[in-house]
């Protein structure tokens, strides 16, 4: 039976460019229905209220998660990126 709570199996992640010397490497997805991360939160607004960036720095590693929310054509758009290397 498929584990429906495992976010890695249920989110259509796309991995960014990666070579032997790439560091850090991120993967991202658009419009996730669920996403979880824990750590220190950094919150930024820019573009006259048109965009919000939320960065979560993991407390037990050097990795980070980024959540970008923008308004395009009057609708909210979201992209989640997380560092995998």
PDB file of N, CA and C in Angstrom:
ATOM      1  N   UNK A   1       0.845  -1.178   0.000  1.00  0.00           N
ATOM      2  CA  UNK A   1       0.000   0.000   0.000  1.00  0.00           C
ATOM      3  C   UNK A   1       0.891   1.243   0.000  1.00  0.00           C
ATOM      4  N   UNK A   2       0.528   2.230  -0.793  1.00  0.00           N
ATOM      5  CA  UNK A   2       1.301   3.458  -0.896  1.00  0.00           C
ATOM      6  C   UNK A   2       1.136   4.302   0.364  1.00  0.00           C
ATOM      7  N   UNK A   3       2.231   4.859   0.834  1.00  0.00           N
ATOM      8  CA  UNK A   3       2.191   5.713   2.011  1.00  0.00           C
ATOM      9  C   UNK A   3       1.802   7.121   1.589  1.00  0.00           C
ATOM     10  N   UNK A   4       0.548   7.517   1.802  1.00  0.00           N
ATOM     11  CA  UNK A   4       0.032   8.813   1.338  1.00  0.00           C
ATOM     12  C   UNK A   4       0.592   9.983   2.122  1.00  0.00           C
ATOM     13  N   UNK A   5       1.190   9.729   3.273  1.00  0.00           N
ATOM     14  CA  UNK A   5       1.752  10.825   4.053  1.00  0.00           C
ATOM     15  C   UNK A   5       3.201  11.111   3.687  1.00  0.00           C
ATOM     16  N   UNK A   6       3.811  10.284   2.863  1.00  0.00           N
ATOM     17  CA  UNK A   6       5.195  10.501   2.459  1.00  0.00           C
ATOM     18  C   UNK A   6       5.223  11.561   1.358  1.00  0.00           C
ATOM     19  N   UNK A   7       5.663  12.770   1.696  1.00  0.00           N
ATOM     20  CA  UNK A   7       5.630  13.883   0.760  1.00  0.00           C
ATOM     21  C   UNK A   7       6.543  13.669  -0.436  1.00  0.00           C
ATOM     22  N   UNK A   8       7.633  12.924  -0.256  1.00  0.00           N
ATOM     23  CA  UNK A   8       8.550  12.693  -1.370  1.00  0.00           C
ATOM     24  C   UNK A   8       7.908  11.866  -2.471  1.00  0.00           C
ATOM     25  N   UNK A   9       6.972  10.990  -2.136  1.00  0.00           N
ATOM     26  CA  UNK A   9       6.306  10.164  -3.133  1.00  0.00           C
ATOM     27  C   UNK A   9       5.124  10.856  -3.789  1.00  0.00           C
ATOM     28  N   UNK A  10       4.524  11.844  -3.122  1.00  0.00           N
ATOM     29  CA  UNK A  10       3.283  12.425  -3.603  1.00  0.00           C
ATOM     30  C   UNK A  10       3.425  13.808  -4.235  1.00  0.00           C
ATOM     31  N   UNK A  11       4.585  14.431  -4.132  1.00  0.00           N
ATOM     32  CA  UNK A  11       4.806  15.747  -4.715  1.00  0.00           C
ATOM     33  C   UNK A  11       5.647  15.577  -5.972  1.00  0.00           C
ATOM     34  N   UNK A  12       5.251  16.166  -7.090  1.00  0.00           N
ATOM     35  CA  UNK A  12       6.032  16.038  -8.328  1.00  0.00           C
ATOM     36  C   UNK A  12       7.257  16.961  -8.323  1.00  0.00           C
ATOM     37  N   UNK A  13       8.327  16.554  -7.646  1.00  0.00           N
ATOM     38  CA  UNK A  13       9.536  17.365  -7.523  1.00  0.00           C
ATOM     39  C   UNK A  13      10.291  17.413  -8.834  1.00  0.00           C
ATOM     40  N   UNK A  14      10.899  18.564  -9.131  1.00  0.00           N
ATOM     41  CA  UNK A  14      11.822  18.728 -10.246  1.00  0.00           C
ATOM     42  C   UNK A  14      13.166  19.129  -9.657  1.00  0.00           C
ATOM     43  N   UNK A  15      14.216  18.422 -10.021  1.00  0.00           N
ATOM     44  CA  UNK A  15      15.548  18.703  -9.484  1.00  0.00           C
ATOM     45  C   UNK A  15      16.259  19.698 -10.385  1.00  0.00           C
ATOM     46  N   UNK A  16      16.901  20.683  -9.761  1.00  0.00           N
ATOM     47  CA  UNK A  16      17.658  21.681 -10.504  1.00  0.00           C
ATOM     48  C   UNK A  16      18.950  21.093 -11.050  1.00  0.00           C
ATOM     49  N   UNK A  17      19.739  21.936 -11.705  1.00  0.00           N
ATOM     50  CA  UNK A  17      21.002  21.506 -12.304  1.00  0.00           C
ATOM     51  C   UNK A  17      21.905  20.891 -11.252  1.00  0.00           C
ATOM     52  N   UNK A  18      22.521  19.772 -11.604  1.00  0.00           N
ATOM     53  CA  UNK A  18      23.419  19.107 -10.677  1.00  0.00           C
ATOM     54  C   UNK A  18      24.584  18.490 -11.442  1.00  0.00           C
ATOM     55  N   UNK A  19      25.801  18.798 -10.999  1.00  0.00           N
ATOM     56  CA  UNK A  19      26.995  18.168 -11.540  1.00  0.00           C
ATOM     57  C   UNK A  19      27.839  17.706 -10.357  1.00  0.00           C
ATOM     58  N   UNK A  20      29.006  17.181 -10.618  1.00  0.00           N
ATOM     59  CA  UNK A  20      29.831  16.667  -9.526  1.00  0.00           C
ATOM     60  C   UNK A  20      30.275  17.774  -8.578  1.00  0.00           C
ATOM     61  N   UNK A  21      30.366  19.016  -9.067  1.00  0.00           N
ATOM     62  CA  UNK A  21      30.817  20.130  -8.230  1.00  0.00           C
ATOM     63  C   UNK A  21      29.679  21.042  -7.775  1.00  0.00           C
ATOM     64  N   UNK A  22      28.438  20.698  -8.058  1.00  0.00           N
ATOM     65  CA  UNK A  22      27.298  21.539  -7.673  1.00  0.00           C
ATOM     66  C   UNK A  22      27.045  21.455  -6.179  1.00  0.00           C
ATOM     67  N   UNK A  23      26.947  22.620  -5.563  1.00  0.00           N
ATOM     68  CA  UNK A  23      26.597  22.666  -4.155  1.00  0.00           C
ATOM     69  C   UNK A  23      26.152  24.084  -3.845  1.00  0.00           C
ATOM     70  N   UNK A  24      24.993  24.360  -3.375  1.00  0.00           N
ATOM     71  CA  UNK A  24      23.937  23.410  -3.046  1.00  0.00           C
ATOM     72  C   UNK A  24      23.107  23.015  -4.271  1.00  0.00           C
ATOM     73  N   UNK A  25      22.343  21.955  -4.122  1.00  0.00           N
ATOM     74  CA  UNK A  25      21.425  21.491  -5.158  1.00  0.00           C
ATOM     75  C   UNK A  25      20.015  21.549  -4.577  1.00  0.00           C
ATOM     76  N   UNK A  26      19.086  22.094  -5.354  1.00  0.00           N
ATOM     77  CA  UNK A  26      17.700  22.232  -4.910  1.00  0.00           C
ATOM     78  C   UNK A  26      16.766  21.414  -5.788  1.00  0.00           C
ATOM     79  N   UNK A  27      15.628  21.077  -5.234  1.00  0.00           N
ATOM     80  CA  UNK A  27      14.525  20.539  -6.022  1.00  0.00           C
ATOM     81  C   UNK A  27      13.328  21.431  -5.726  1.00  0.00           C
ATOM     82  N   UNK A  28      12.399  21.536  -6.666  1.00  0.00           N
ATOM     83  CA  UNK A  28      11.262  22.434  -6.477  1.00  0.00           C
ATOM     84  C   UNK A  28       9.991  21.832  -7.053  1.00  0.00           C
ATOM     85  N   UNK A  29       8.882  22.383  -6.602  1.00  0.00           N
ATOM     86  CA  UNK A  29       7.570  22.011  -7.113  1.00  0.00           C
ATOM     87  C   UNK A  29       6.667  23.233  -7.029  1.00  0.00           C
ATOM     88  N   UNK A  30       5.695  23.296  -7.908  1.00  0.00           N
ATOM     89  CA  UNK A  30       4.738  24.400  -7.912  1.00  0.00           C
ATOM     90  C   UNK A  30       3.411  23.955  -7.311  1.00  0.00           C
ATOM     91  N   UNK A  31       2.800  24.849  -6.556  1.00  0.00           N
ATOM     92  CA  UNK A  31       1.469  24.652  -5.982  1.00  0.00           C
ATOM     93  C   UNK A  31       1.321  23.348  -5.192  1.00  0.00           C
ATOM     94  N   UNK A  32       2.187  23.075  -4.199  1.00  0.00           N
ATOM     95  CA  UNK A  32       2.019  21.844  -3.417  1.00  0.00           C
ATOM     96  C   UNK A  32       0.787  21.931  -2.524  1.00  0.00           C
ATOM     97  N   UNK A  33       0.118  20.824  -2.342  1.00  0.00           N
ATOM     98  CA  UNK A  33      -1.055  20.817  -1.465  1.00  0.00           C
ATOM     99  C   UNK A  33      -0.648  20.666  -0.007  1.00  0.00           C
ATOM    100  N   UNK A  34       0.541  20.105   0.236  1.00  0.00           N
ATOM    101  CA  UNK A  34       1.034  19.929   1.599  1.00  0.00           C
ATOM    102  C   UNK A  34       2.551  19.994   1.569  1.00  0.00           C
ATOM    103  N   UNK A  35       3.121  20.620   2.589  1.00  0.00           N
ATOM    104  CA  UNK A  35       4.570  20.726   2.677  1.00  0.00           C
ATOM    105  C   UNK A  35       4.948  20.933   4.128  1.00  0.00           C
ATOM    106  N   UNK A  36       5.983  20.244   4.590  1.00  0.00           N
ATOM    107  CA  UNK A  36       6.385  20.338   5.989  1.00  0.00           C
ATOM    108  C   UNK A  36       7.876  20.610   6.092  1.00  0.00           C
ATOM    109  N   UNK A  37       8.242  21.462   7.029  1.00  0.00           N
ATOM    110  CA  UNK A  37       9.641  21.735   7.335  1.00  0.00           C
ATOM    111  C   UNK A  37       9.706  22.305   8.739  1.00  0.00           C
ATOM    112  N   UNK A  38      10.823  22.097   9.405  1.00  0.00           N
ATOM    113  CA  UNK A  38      11.010  22.654  10.744  1.00  0.00           C
ATOM    114  C   UNK A  38      12.347  23.358  10.804  1.00  0.00           C
ATOM    115  N   UNK A  39      12.417  24.412  11.597  1.00  0.00           N
ATOM    116  CA  UNK A  39      13.665  25.156  11.761  1.00  0.00           C
ATOM    117  C   UNK A  39      13.408  26.626  11.991  1.00  0.00           C
ATOM    118  N   UNK A  40      14.444  27.434  11.799  1.00  0.00           N
ATOM    119  CA  UNK A  40      14.372  28.888  11.974  1.00  0.00           C
ATOM    120  C   UNK A  40      13.722  29.518  10.745  1.00  0.00           C
ATOM    121  N   UNK A  41      12.744  30.376  10.949  1.00  0.00           N
ATOM    122  CA  UNK A  41      11.977  30.976   9.853  1.00  0.00           C
ATOM    123  C   UNK A  41      12.465  32.396   9.580  1.00  0.00           C
ATOM    124  N   UNK A  42      12.708  32.685   8.292  1.00  0.00           N
ATOM    125  CA  UNK A  42      13.066  34.027   7.832  1.00  0.00           C
ATOM    126  C   UNK A  42      12.010  34.448   6.820  1.00  0.00           C
ATOM    127  N   UNK A  43      11.415  35.611   7.017  1.00  0.00           N
ATOM    128  CA  UNK A  43      10.255  36.051   6.247  1.00  0.00           C
ATOM    129  C   UNK A  43      10.575  37.378   5.569  1.00  0.00           C
ATOM    130  N   UNK A  44      10.388  37.480   4.237  1.00  0.00           N
ATOM    131  CA  UNK A  44      10.643  38.717   3.491  1.00  0.00           C
ATOM    132  C   UNK A  44       9.471  39.032   2.572  1.00  0.00           C
ATOM    133  N   UNK A  45       9.112  40.320   2.482  1.00  0.00           N
ATOM    134  CA  UNK A  45       8.104  40.801   1.541  1.00  0.00           C
ATOM    135  C   UNK A  45       8.780  41.771   0.575  1.00  0.00           C
ATOM    136  N   UNK A  46       8.369  41.751  -0.684  1.00  0.00           N
ATOM    137  CA  UNK A  46       8.927  42.688  -1.653  1.00  0.00           C
ATOM    138  C   UNK A  46       7.952  42.883  -2.805  1.00  0.00           C
ATOM    139  N   UNK A  47       8.264  43.803  -3.705  1.00  0.00           N
ATOM    140  CA  UNK A  47       7.416  44.058  -4.861  1.00  0.00           C
ATOM    141  C   UNK A  47       6.114  44.734  -4.514  1.00  0.00           C
ATOM    142  N   UNK A  48       6.132  45.661  -3.545  1.00  0.00           N
ATOM    143  CA  UNK A  48       4.913  46.368  -3.121  1.00  0.00           C
ATOM    144  C   UNK A  48       3.784  45.413  -2.762  1.00  0.00           C
ATOM    145  N   UNK A  49       4.112  44.388  -1.994  1.00  0.00           N
ATOM    146  CA  UNK A  49       3.101  43.437  -1.551  1.00  0.00           C
ATOM    147  C   UNK A  49       2.759  42.369  -2.571  1.00  0.00           C
ATOM    148  N   UNK A  50       3.522  42.267  -3.641  1.00  0.00           N
ATOM    149  CA  UNK A  50       3.237  41.292  -4.697  1.00  0.00           C
ATOM    150  C   UNK A  50       3.921  39.955  -4.481  1.00  0.00           C
ATOM    151  N   UNK A  51       4.849  39.860  -3.524  1.00  0.00           N
ATOM    152  CA  UNK A  51       5.566  38.605  -3.317  1.00  0.00           C
ATOM    153  C   UNK A  51       6.004  38.464  -1.863  1.00  0.00           C
ATOM    154  N   UNK A  52       6.053  37.218  -1.426  1.00  0.00           N
ATOM    155  CA  UNK A  52       6.499  36.873  -0.082  1.00  0.00           C
ATOM    156  C   UNK A  52       7.467  35.702  -0.213  1.00  0.00           C
ATOM    157  N   UNK A  53       8.606  35.808   0.445  1.00  0.00           N
ATOM    158  CA  UNK A  53       9.558  34.702   0.524  1.00  0.00           C
ATOM    159  C   UNK A  53       9.636  34.244   1.970  1.00  0.00           C
ATOM    160  N   UNK A  54       9.530  32.938   2.168  1.00  0.00           N
ATOM    161  CA  UNK A  54       9.686  32.341   3.488  1.00  0.00           C
ATOM    162  C   UNK A  54      10.835  31.342   3.380  1.00  0.00           C
ATOM    163  N   UNK A  55      11.853  31.534   4.191  1.00  0.00           N
ATOM    164  CA  UNK A  55      12.994  30.615   4.197  1.00  0.00           C
ATOM    165  C   UNK A  55      13.040  29.932   5.552  1.00  0.00           C
ATOM    166  N   UNK A  56      13.176  28.626   5.542  1.00  0.00           N
ATOM    167  CA  UNK A  56      13.276  27.860   6.778  1.00  0.00           C
ATOM    168  C   UNK A  56      14.640  27.186   6.802  1.00  0.00           C
ATOM    169  N   UNK A  57      15.442  27.551   7.785  1.00  0.00           N
ATOM    170  CA  UNK A  57      16.772  26.988   7.950  1.00  0.00           C
ATOM    171  C   UNK A  57      16.670  25.822   8.935  1.00  0.00           C
ATOM    172  N   UNK A  58      17.026  24.613   8.489  1.00  0.00           N
ATOM    173  CA  UNK A  58      16.946  23.445   9.362  1.00  0.00           C
ATOM    174  C   UNK A  58      17.911  23.607  10.530  1.00  0.00           C
ATOM    175  N   UNK A  59      17.467  23.217  11.714  1.00  0.00           N
ATOM    176  CA  UNK A  59      18.283  23.387  12.908  1.00  0.00           C
ATOM    177  C   UNK A  59      19.325  22.284  13.083  1.00  0.00           C
ATOM    178  N   UNK A  60      19.097  21.113  12.492  1.00  0.00           N
ATOM    179  CA  UNK A  60      20.028  20.007  12.685  1.00  0.00           C
ATOM    180  C   UNK A  60      20.950  19.774  11.483  1.00  0.00           C
ATOM    181  N   UNK A  61      20.903  20.668  10.473  1.00  0.00           N
ATOM    182  CA  UNK A  61      21.788  20.563   9.312  1.00  0.00           C
ATOM    183  C   UNK A  61      21.951  21.949   8.689  1.00  0.00           C
ATOM    184  N   UNK A  62      22.713  22.025   7.607  1.00  0.00           N
ATOM    185  CA  UNK A  62      22.922  23.292   6.908  1.00  0.00           C
ATOM    186  C   UNK A  62      21.919  23.492   5.777  1.00  0.00           C
ATOM    187  N   UNK A  63      20.950  22.616   5.640  1.00  0.00           N
ATOM    188  CA  UNK A  63      20.008  22.692   4.527  1.00  0.00           C
ATOM    189  C   UNK A  63      18.913  23.718   4.807  1.00  0.00           C
ATOM    190  N   UNK A  64      18.279  24.183   3.710  1.00  0.00           N
ATOM    191  CA  UNK A  64      17.208  25.157   3.844  1.00  0.00           C
ATOM    192  C   UNK A  64      16.044  24.825   2.914  1.00  0.00           C
ATOM    193  N   UNK A  65      14.885  25.336   3.265  1.00  0.00           N
ATOM    194  CA  UNK A  65      13.672  25.218   2.470  1.00  0.00           C
ATOM    195  C   UNK A  65      13.222  26.627   2.125  1.00  0.00           C
ATOM    196  N   UNK A  66      12.718  26.837   0.914  1.00  0.00           N
ATOM    197  CA  UNK A  66      12.253  28.157   0.507  1.00  0.00           C
ATOM    198  C   UNK A  66      10.845  28.034  -0.054  1.00  0.00           C
ATOM    199  N   UNK A  67       9.986  28.967   0.366  1.00  0.00           N
ATOM    200  CA  UNK A  67       8.606  29.008  -0.102  1.00  0.00           C
ATOM    201  C   UNK A  67       8.382  30.400  -0.666  1.00  0.00           C
ATOM    202  N   UNK A  68       8.073  30.498  -1.948  1.00  0.00           N
ATOM    203  CA  UNK A  68       7.862  31.780  -2.610  1.00  0.00           C
ATOM    204  C   UNK A  68       6.403  31.886  -3.018  1.00  0.00           C
ATOM    205  N   UNK A  69       5.750  32.943  -2.577  1.00  0.00           N
ATOM    206  CA  UNK A  69       4.343  33.184  -2.910  1.00  0.00           C
ATOM    207  C   UNK A  69       4.267  34.486  -3.687  1.00  0.00           C
ATOM    208  N   UNK A  70       3.664  34.449  -4.872  1.00  0.00           N
ATOM    209  CA  UNK A  70       3.507  35.644  -5.710  1.00  0.00           C
ATOM    210  C   UNK A  70       2.063  35.765  -6.163  1.00  0.00           C
ATOM    211  N   UNK A  71       1.728  36.936  -6.659  1.00  0.00           N
ATOM    212  CA  UNK A  71       0.407  37.163  -7.246  1.00  0.00           C
ATOM    213  C   UNK A  71       0.600  37.339  -8.741  1.00  0.00           C
ATOM    214  N   UNK A  72      -0.035  36.464  -9.532  1.00  0.00           N
ATOM    215  CA  UNK A  72       0.030  36.555 -10.988  1.00  0.00           C
ATOM    216  C   UNK A  72      -1.391  36.486 -11.532  1.00  0.00           C
ATOM    217  N   UNK A  73      -1.779  37.488 -12.294  1.00  0.00           N
ATOM    218  CA  UNK A  73      -3.126  37.568 -12.857  1.00  0.00           C
ATOM    219  C   UNK A  73      -4.196  37.472 -11.779  1.00  0.00           C
ATOM    220  N   UNK A  74      -3.937  38.080 -10.619  1.00  0.00           N
ATOM    221  CA  UNK A  74      -4.907  38.107  -9.536  1.00  0.00           C
ATOM    222  C   UNK A  74      -5.010  36.809  -8.745  1.00  0.00           C
ATOM    223  N   UNK A  75      -4.137  35.834  -9.006  1.00  0.00           N
ATOM    224  CA  UNK A  75      -4.167  34.554  -8.294  1.00  0.00           C
ATOM    225  C   UNK A  75      -2.852  34.336  -7.572  1.00  0.00           C
ATOM    226  N   UNK A  76      -2.938  33.679  -6.412  1.00  0.00           N
ATOM    227  CA  UNK A  76      -1.731  33.338  -5.677  1.00  0.00           C
ATOM    228  C   UNK A  76      -1.026  32.168  -6.344  1.00  0.00           C
ATOM    229  N   UNK A  77       0.279  32.277  -6.509  1.00  0.00           N
ATOM    230  CA  UNK A  77       1.110  31.200  -7.050  1.00  0.00           C
ATOM    231  C   UNK A  77       2.166  30.871  -6.004  1.00  0.00           C
ATOM    232  N   UNK A  78       2.442  29.602  -5.833  1.00  0.00           N
ATOM    233  CA  UNK A  78       3.424  29.187  -4.829  1.00  0.00           C
ATOM    234  C   UNK A  78       4.441  28.238  -5.440  1.00  0.00           C
ATOM    235  N   UNK A  79       5.682  28.374  -5.004  1.00  0.00           N
ATOM    236  CA  UNK A  79       6.747  27.442  -5.392  1.00  0.00           C
ATOM    237  C   UNK A  79       7.543  27.102  -4.127  1.00  0.00           C
ATOM    238  N   UNK A  80       7.727  25.820  -3.921  1.00  0.00           N
ATOM    239  CA  UNK A  80       8.514  25.334  -2.796  1.00  0.00           C
ATOM    240  C   UNK A  80       9.814  24.767  -3.340  1.00  0.00           C
ATOM    241  N   UNK A  81      10.924  25.171  -2.737  1.00  0.00           N
ATOM    242  CA  UNK A  81      12.231  24.623  -3.080  1.00  0.00           C
ATOM    243  C   UNK A  81      12.857  24.098  -1.797  1.00  0.00           C
ATOM    244  N   UNK A  82      13.526  22.957  -1.911  1.00  0.00           N
ATOM    245  CA  UNK A  82      14.251  22.471  -0.765  1.00  0.00           C
ATOM    246  C   UNK A  82      15.616  21.976  -1.187  1.00  0.00           C
ATOM    247  N   UNK A  83      16.582  22.245  -0.334  1.00  0.00           N
ATOM    248  CA  UNK A  83      17.956  21.881  -0.622  1.00  0.00           C
ATOM    249  C   UNK A  83      18.127  20.383  -0.377  1.00  0.00           C
ATOM    250  N   UNK A  84      18.687  19.690  -1.360  1.00  0.00           N
ATOM    251  CA  UNK A  84      18.886  18.247  -1.214  1.00  0.00           C
ATOM    252  C   UNK A  84      20.364  17.872  -1.102  1.00  0.00           C
ATOM    253  N   UNK A  85      21.252  18.810  -1.346  1.00  0.00           N
ATOM    254  CA  UNK A  85      22.700  18.552  -1.237  1.00  0.00           C
ATOM    255  C   UNK A  85      23.396  19.817  -0.777  1.00  0.00           C
TER     256      UNK A  85
END
